[in-house]
Amino acid sequence: MPRIFTKKSQQEKRRRLRVEMTKAEVLLWLELKDRKILGERFLRQYSMKYFVVDFYCPRLKLAIEIDGPTHLPEEQIEYDSLRQSEIEKLKIQFLRFTNEHVYDDMTHVLESIRGKVMELRTRKK
């Protein structure tokens, strides 16, 4: 069976994206790392198939994306939608926030993430 997650072919891309994280991604990463969200482990710039998501919780199959200005053009919105659909076929749940959500209302972003974590934990039982 071909490898789906953390493919070697995506390794350099993941490394580059970790070095070049946006300010919003860095701010959220500071809140996610070290199991700060209900003890769950999140990874940053995680690849699945030939896509890379900003953050991923493997145990709960939860991907989190932060959308900045590069996600606004119509073509990019269509691509993001297709990409999300392909990833969801792997039974992975998505949460999406904009840079502005992270900058202006981090409390709500974190509450949304905690809520989704609790929901997914309940489903796993």
Foldseek 3Di string as FASTA:
>chain_A
DDAFKPDPVCVVVLVVCVVVPDPLLVLVCVCQDPCNQVNFHKDAQIGGHHDTAGIAGVVLLETEHEAEPVCPDPVNVVVVVVVVVVSCVVVHHYDYHYSCCSVPPVVVVSVVVSVVVVVSVVVVD
